[in-house]
Amino acid sequence: AGPVVVGATYAASVPADLISPVALALF
């Protein structure tokens, strides 16, 4: 699960991307 957070952090362009449905579902 940790790599999901890292991947989301460096792919996101705005903070809202971190809590997008796809990011949360993958986590």
PDB file of all heavy atoms in Angstrom:
ATOM      1  N   ALA A   1       0.816  -1.211   0.000  1.00  0.00           N
ATOM      2  CA  ALA A   1       0.000   0.000   0.000  1.00  0.00           C
ATOM      3  C   ALA A   1       0.851   1.263   0.000  1.00  0.00           C
ATOM      4  O   ALA A   1       0.472   2.282  -0.597  1.00  0.00           O
ATOM      5  CB  ALA A   1      -0.940   0.003   1.206  1.00  0.00           C
ATOM      6  N   GLY A   2       2.019   1.220   0.654  1.00  0.00           N
ATOM      7  CA  GLY A   2       2.893   2.396   0.679  1.00  0.00           C
ATOM      8  C   GLY A   2       3.319   2.856  -0.696  1.00  0.00           C
ATOM      9  O   GLY A   2       3.260   4.057  -0.998  1.00  0.00           O
ATOM     10  N   PRO A   3       3.752   1.938  -1.575  1.00  0.00           N
ATOM     11  CA  PRO A   3       4.099   2.366  -2.935  1.00  0.00           C
ATOM     12  C   PRO A   3       2.947   3.032  -3.686  1.00  0.00           C
ATOM     13  O   PRO A   3       3.186   3.869  -4.563  1.00  0.00           O
ATOM     14  CB  PRO A   3       4.518   1.051  -3.610  1.00  0.00           C
ATOM     15  CG  PRO A   3       5.071   0.238  -2.495  1.00  0.00           C
ATOM     16  CD  PRO A   3       4.188   0.553  -1.316  1.00  0.00           C
ATOM     17  N   VAL A   4       1.709   2.677  -3.353  1.00  0.00           N
ATOM     18  CA  VAL A   4       0.561   3.357  -3.973  1.00  0.00           C
ATOM     19  C   VAL A   4       0.589   4.837  -3.613  1.00  0.00           C
ATOM     20  O   VAL A   4       0.385   5.711  -4.468  1.00  0.00           O
ATOM     21  CB  VAL A   4      -0.771   2.721  -3.513  1.00  0.00           C
ATOM     22  CG1 VAL A   4      -1.958   3.554  -3.994  1.00  0.00           C
ATOM     23  CG2 VAL A   4      -0.880   1.287  -4.029  1.00  0.00           C
ATOM     24  N   VAL A   5       0.865   5.128  -2.347  1.00  0.00           N
ATOM     25  CA  VAL A   5       0.921   6.519  -1.889  1.00  0.00           C
ATOM     26  C   VAL A   5       2.050   7.265  -2.593  1.00  0.00           C
ATOM     27  O   VAL A   5       1.885   8.404  -3.049  1.00  0.00           O
ATOM     28  CB  VAL A   5       1.107   6.572  -0.358  1.00  0.00           C
ATOM     29  CG1 VAL A   5       1.263   8.016   0.113  1.00  0.00           C
ATOM     30  CG2 VAL A   5      -0.062   5.891   0.343  1.00  0.00           C
ATOM     31  N   VAL A   6       3.212   6.622  -2.695  1.00  0.00           N
ATOM     32  CA  VAL A   6       4.353   7.258  -3.370  1.00  0.00           C
ATOM     33  C   VAL A   6       4.039   7.503  -4.839  1.00  0.00           C
ATOM     34  O   VAL A   6       4.282   8.592  -5.374  1.00  0.00           O
ATOM     35  CB  VAL A   6       5.617   6.384  -3.224  1.00  0.00           C
ATOM     36  CG1 VAL A   6       6.768   6.982  -4.039  1.00  0.00           C
ATOM     37  CG2 VAL A   6       6.024   6.259  -1.763  1.00  0.00           C
ATOM     38  N   GLY A   7       3.485   6.487  -5.512  1.00  0.00           N
ATOM     39  CA  GLY A   7       3.140   6.637  -6.919  1.00  0.00           C
ATOM     40  C   GLY A   7       2.130   7.749  -7.147  1.00  0.00           C
ATOM     41  O   GLY A   7       2.254   8.542  -8.092  1.00  0.00           O
ATOM     42  N   ALA A   8       1.118   7.830  -6.273  1.00  0.00           N
ATOM     43  CA  ALA A   8       0.098   8.871  -6.402  1.00  0.00           C
ATOM     44  C   ALA A   8       0.693  10.252  -6.168  1.00  0.00           C
ATOM     45  O   ALA A   8       0.365  11.221  -6.873  1.00  0.00           O
ATOM     46  CB  ALA A   8      -1.042   8.609  -5.416  1.00  0.00           C
ATOM     47  N   THR A   9       1.584  10.355  -5.193  1.00  0.00           N
ATOM     48  CA  THR A   9       2.175  11.653  -4.852  1.00  0.00           C
ATOM     49  C   THR A   9       2.959  12.239  -6.026  1.00  0.00           C
ATOM     50  O   THR A   9       2.846  13.435  -6.333  1.00  0.00           O
ATOM     51  CB  THR A   9       3.104  11.498  -3.636  1.00  0.00           C
ATOM     52  OG1 THR A   9       2.342  11.039  -2.519  1.00  0.00           O
ATOM     53  CG2 THR A   9       3.783  12.817  -3.291  1.00  0.00           C
ATOM     54  N   TYR A  10       3.722  11.392  -6.710  1.00  0.00           N
ATOM     55  CA  TYR A  10       4.573  11.903  -7.793  1.00  0.00           C
ATOM     56  C   TYR A  10       3.847  11.976  -9.139  1.00  0.00           C
ATOM     57  O   TYR A  10       4.346  12.610 -10.068  1.00  0.00           O
ATOM     58  CB  TYR A  10       5.847  11.062  -7.891  1.00  0.00           C
ATOM     59  CG  TYR A  10       6.800  11.410  -6.768  1.00  0.00           C
ATOM     60  CD1 TYR A  10       6.754  10.728  -5.562  1.00  0.00           C
ATOM     61  CD2 TYR A  10       7.706  12.452  -6.909  1.00  0.00           C
ATOM     62  CE1 TYR A  10       7.600  11.081  -4.513  1.00  0.00           C
ATOM     63  CE2 TYR A  10       8.553  12.806  -5.874  1.00  0.00           C
ATOM     64  CZ  TYR A  10       8.491  12.118  -4.668  1.00  0.00           C
ATOM     65  OH  TYR A  10       9.322  12.478  -3.631  1.00  0.00           O
ATOM     66  N   ALA A  11       2.661  11.367  -9.214  1.00  0.00           N
ATOM     67  CA  ALA A  11       1.873  11.489 -10.440  1.00  0.00           C
ATOM     68  C   ALA A  11       0.882  12.635 -10.361  1.00  0.00           C
ATOM     69  O   ALA A  11       0.471  13.187 -11.379  1.00  0.00           O
ATOM     70  CB  ALA A  11       1.122  10.187 -10.715  1.00  0.00           C
ATOM     71  N   ALA A  12       0.483  13.003  -9.138  1.00  0.00           N
ATOM     72  CA  ALA A  12      -0.562  14.009  -8.944  1.00  0.00           C
ATOM     73  C   ALA A  12      -0.073  15.390  -9.373  1.00  0.00           C
ATOM     74  O   ALA A  12       1.075  15.765  -9.115  1.00  0.00           O
ATOM     75  CB  ALA A  12      -1.000  14.035  -7.492  1.00  0.00           C
ATOM     76  N   SER A  13      -0.951  16.117  -9.995  1.00  0.00           N
ATOM     77  CA  SER A  13      -0.636  17.501 -10.349  1.00  0.00           C
ATOM     78  C   SER A  13      -1.259  18.482  -9.363  1.00  0.00           C
ATOM     79  O   SER A  13      -0.787  19.615  -9.220  1.00  0.00           O
ATOM     80  CB  SER A  13      -1.121  17.806 -11.776  1.00  0.00           C
ATOM     81  OG  SER A  13      -2.464  17.438 -11.942  1.00  0.00           O
ATOM     82  N   VAL A  14      -2.327  18.053  -8.674  1.00  0.00           N
ATOM     83  CA  VAL A  14      -2.969  18.862  -7.637  1.00  0.00           C
ATOM     84  C   VAL A  14      -3.301  17.938  -6.472  1.00  0.00           C
ATOM     85  O   VAL A  14      -3.464  16.720  -6.660  1.00  0.00           O
ATOM     86  CB  VAL A  14      -4.261  19.547  -8.151  1.00  0.00           C
ATOM     87  CG1 VAL A  14      -3.938  20.579  -9.221  1.00  0.00           C
ATOM     88  CG2 VAL A  14      -5.250  18.522  -8.679  1.00  0.00           C
ATOM     89  N   PRO A  15      -3.407  18.466  -5.248  1.00  0.00           N
ATOM     90  CA  PRO A  15      -3.686  17.614  -4.091  1.00  0.00           C
ATOM     91  C   PRO A  15      -4.949  16.757  -4.235  1.00  0.00           C
ATOM     92  O   PRO A  15      -5.000  15.640  -3.706  1.00  0.00           O
ATOM     93  CB  PRO A  15      -3.825  18.616  -2.942  1.00  0.00           C
ATOM     94  CG  PRO A  15      -2.968  19.769  -3.354  1.00  0.00           C
ATOM     95  CD  PRO A  15      -3.126  19.862  -4.847  1.00  0.00           C
ATOM     96  N   ALA A  16      -5.949  17.265  -4.953  1.00  0.00           N
ATOM     97  CA  ALA A  16      -7.192  16.510  -5.105  1.00  0.00           C
ATOM     98  C   ALA A  16      -6.963  15.161  -5.784  1.00  0.00           C
ATOM     99  O   ALA A  16      -7.727  14.214  -5.570  1.00  0.00           O
ATOM    100  CB  ALA A  16      -8.211  17.332  -5.893  1.00  0.00           C
ATOM    101  N   ASP A  17      -5.912  15.057  -6.608  1.00  0.00           N
ATOM    102  CA  ASP A  17      -5.625  13.783  -7.280  1.00  0.00           C
ATOM    103  C   ASP A  17      -5.325  12.672  -6.279  1.00  0.00           C
ATOM    104  O   ASP A  17      -5.546  11.492  -6.557  1.00  0.00           O
ATOM    105  CB  ASP A  17      -4.420  13.936  -8.218  1.00  0.00           C
ATOM    106  CG  ASP A  17      -4.733  14.799  -9.428  1.00  0.00           C
ATOM    107  OD1 ASP A  17      -5.928  14.961  -9.754  1.00  0.00           O
ATOM    108  OD2 ASP A  17      -3.777  15.309 -10.049  1.00  0.00           O
ATOM    109  N   LEU A  18      -4.797  13.047  -5.108  1.00  0.00           N
ATOM    110  CA  LEU A  18      -4.420  12.049  -4.112  1.00  0.00           C
ATOM    111  C   LEU A  18      -5.626  11.339  -3.512  1.00  0.00           C
ATOM    112  O   LEU A  18      -5.496  10.225  -2.993  1.00  0.00           O
ATOM    113  CB  LEU A  18      -3.603  12.705  -2.988  1.00  0.00           C
ATOM    114  CG  LEU A  18      -2.288  13.356  -3.412  1.00  0.00           C
ATOM    115  CD1 LEU A  18      -1.677  14.115  -2.252  1.00  0.00           C
ATOM    116  CD2 LEU A  18      -1.323  12.297  -3.926  1.00  0.00           C
ATOM    117  N   ILE A  19      -6.778  11.992  -3.552  1.00  0.00           N
ATOM    118  CA  ILE A  19      -7.984  11.369  -3.006  1.00  0.00           C
ATOM    119  C   ILE A  19      -9.028  11.128  -4.109  1.00  0.00           C
ATOM    120  O   ILE A  19     -10.221  11.059  -3.838  1.00  0.00           O
ATOM    121  CB  ILE A  19      -8.595  12.224  -1.868  1.00  0.00           C
ATOM    122  CG1 ILE A  19      -8.852  13.669  -2.324  1.00  0.00           C
ATOM    123  CG2 ILE A  19      -7.689  12.202  -0.645  1.00  0.00           C
ATOM    124  CD1 ILE A  19      -9.618  14.504  -1.306  1.00  0.00           C
ATOM    125  N   SER A  20      -8.535  11.001  -5.326  1.00  0.00           N
ATOM    126  CA  SER A  20      -9.435  10.647  -6.423  1.00  0.00           C
ATOM    127  C   SER A  20      -9.947   9.231  -6.199  1.00  0.00           C
ATOM    128  O   SER A  20      -9.302   8.420  -5.512  1.00  0.00           O
ATOM    129  CB  SER A  20      -8.700  10.732  -7.758  1.00  0.00           C
ATOM    130  OG  SER A  20      -7.666   9.759  -7.814  1.00  0.00           O
ATOM    131  N   PRO A  21     -11.122   8.884  -6.742  1.00  0.00           N
ATOM    132  CA  PRO A  21     -11.668   7.538  -6.535  1.00  0.00           C
ATOM    133  C   PRO A  21     -10.705   6.422  -6.929  1.00  0.00           C
ATOM    134  O   PRO A  21     -10.591   5.416  -6.231  1.00  0.00           O
ATOM    135  CB  PRO A  21     -12.928   7.541  -7.415  1.00  0.00           C
ATOM    136  CG  PRO A  21     -13.342   8.971  -7.470  1.00  0.00           C
ATOM    137  CD  PRO A  21     -12.065   9.754  -7.474  1.00  0.00           C
ATOM    138  N   VAL A  22      -9.984   6.608  -8.047  1.00  0.00           N
ATOM    139  CA  VAL A  22      -9.061   5.562  -8.498  1.00  0.00           C
ATOM    140  C   VAL A  22      -7.914   5.400  -7.515  1.00  0.00           C
ATOM    141  O   VAL A  22      -7.525   4.271  -7.177  1.00  0.00           O
ATOM    142  CB  VAL A  22      -8.549   5.916  -9.901  1.00  0.00           C
ATOM    143  CG1 VAL A  22      -7.123   5.563 -10.118  1.00  0.00           C
ATOM    144  CG2 VAL A  22      -9.343   5.192 -10.949  1.00  0.00           C
ATOM    145  N   ALA A  23      -7.339   6.501  -7.019  1.00  0.00           N
ATOM    146  CA  ALA A  23      -6.232   6.425  -6.068  1.00  0.00           C
ATOM    147  C   ALA A  23      -6.671   5.763  -4.771  1.00  0.00           C
ATOM    148  O   ALA A  23      -5.963   4.908  -4.223  1.00  0.00           O
ATOM    149  CB  ALA A  23      -5.679   7.822  -5.793  1.00  0.00           C
ATOM    150  N   LEU A  24      -7.852   6.131  -4.279  1.00  0.00           N
ATOM    151  CA  LEU A  24      -8.345   5.535  -3.039  1.00  0.00           C
ATOM    152  C   LEU A  24      -8.664   4.056  -3.213  1.00  0.00           C
ATOM    153  O   LEU A  24      -8.403   3.240  -2.318  1.00  0.00           O
ATOM    154  CB  LEU A  24      -9.594   6.291  -2.558  1.00  0.00           C
ATOM    155  CG  LEU A  24      -9.362   7.731  -2.096  1.00  0.00           C
ATOM    156  CD1 LEU A  24     -10.683   8.384  -1.717  1.00  0.00           C
ATOM    157  CD2 LEU A  24      -8.390   7.780  -0.918  1.00  0.00           C
ATOM    158  N   ALA A  25      -9.230   3.695  -4.361  1.00  0.00           N
ATOM    159  CA  ALA A  25      -9.550   2.294  -4.618  1.00  0.00           C
ATOM    160  C   ALA A  25      -8.282   1.443  -4.707  1.00  0.00           C
ATOM    161  O   ALA A  25      -8.223   0.325  -4.183  1.00  0.00           O
ATOM    162  CB  ALA A  25     -10.370   2.165  -5.901  1.00  0.00           C
ATOM    163  N   LEU A  26      -7.251   1.965  -5.364  1.00  0.00           N
ATOM    164  CA  LEU A  26      -5.988   1.237  -5.455  1.00  0.00           C
ATOM    165  C   LEU A  26      -5.349   1.085  -4.072  1.00  0.00           C
ATOM    166  O   LEU A  26      -4.823   0.017  -3.735  1.00  0.00           O
ATOM    167  CB  LEU A  26      -5.030   1.950  -6.407  1.00  0.00           C
ATOM    168  CG  LEU A  26      -5.361   1.803  -7.896  1.00  0.00           C
ATOM    169  CD1 LEU A  26      -4.502   2.760  -8.729  1.00  0.00           C
ATOM    170  CD2 LEU A  26      -5.152   0.362  -8.373  1.00  0.00           C
ATOM    171  N   PHE A  27      -5.389   2.148  -3.279  1.00  0.00           N
ATOM    172  CA  PHE A  27      -4.831   2.053  -1.935  1.00  0.00           C
ATOM    173  C   PHE A  27      -5.569   0.992  -1.120  1.00  0.00           C
ATOM    174  O   PHE A  27      -4.939   0.165  -0.444  1.00  0.00           O
ATOM    175  CB  PHE A  27      -4.919   3.404  -1.222  1.00  0.00           C
ATOM    176  CG  PHE A  27      -4.369   3.372   0.177  1.00  0.00           C
ATOM    177  CD1 PHE A  27      -3.002   3.460   0.398  1.00  0.00           C
ATOM    178  CD2 PHE A  27      -5.216   3.240   1.269  1.00  0.00           C
ATOM    179  CE1 PHE A  27      -2.486   3.424   1.690  1.00  0.00           C
ATOM    180  CE2 PHE A  27      -4.708   3.198   2.559  1.00  0.00           C
ATOM    181  CZ  PHE A  27      -3.344   3.292   2.772  1.00  0.00           C
TER     182      PHE A  27
END
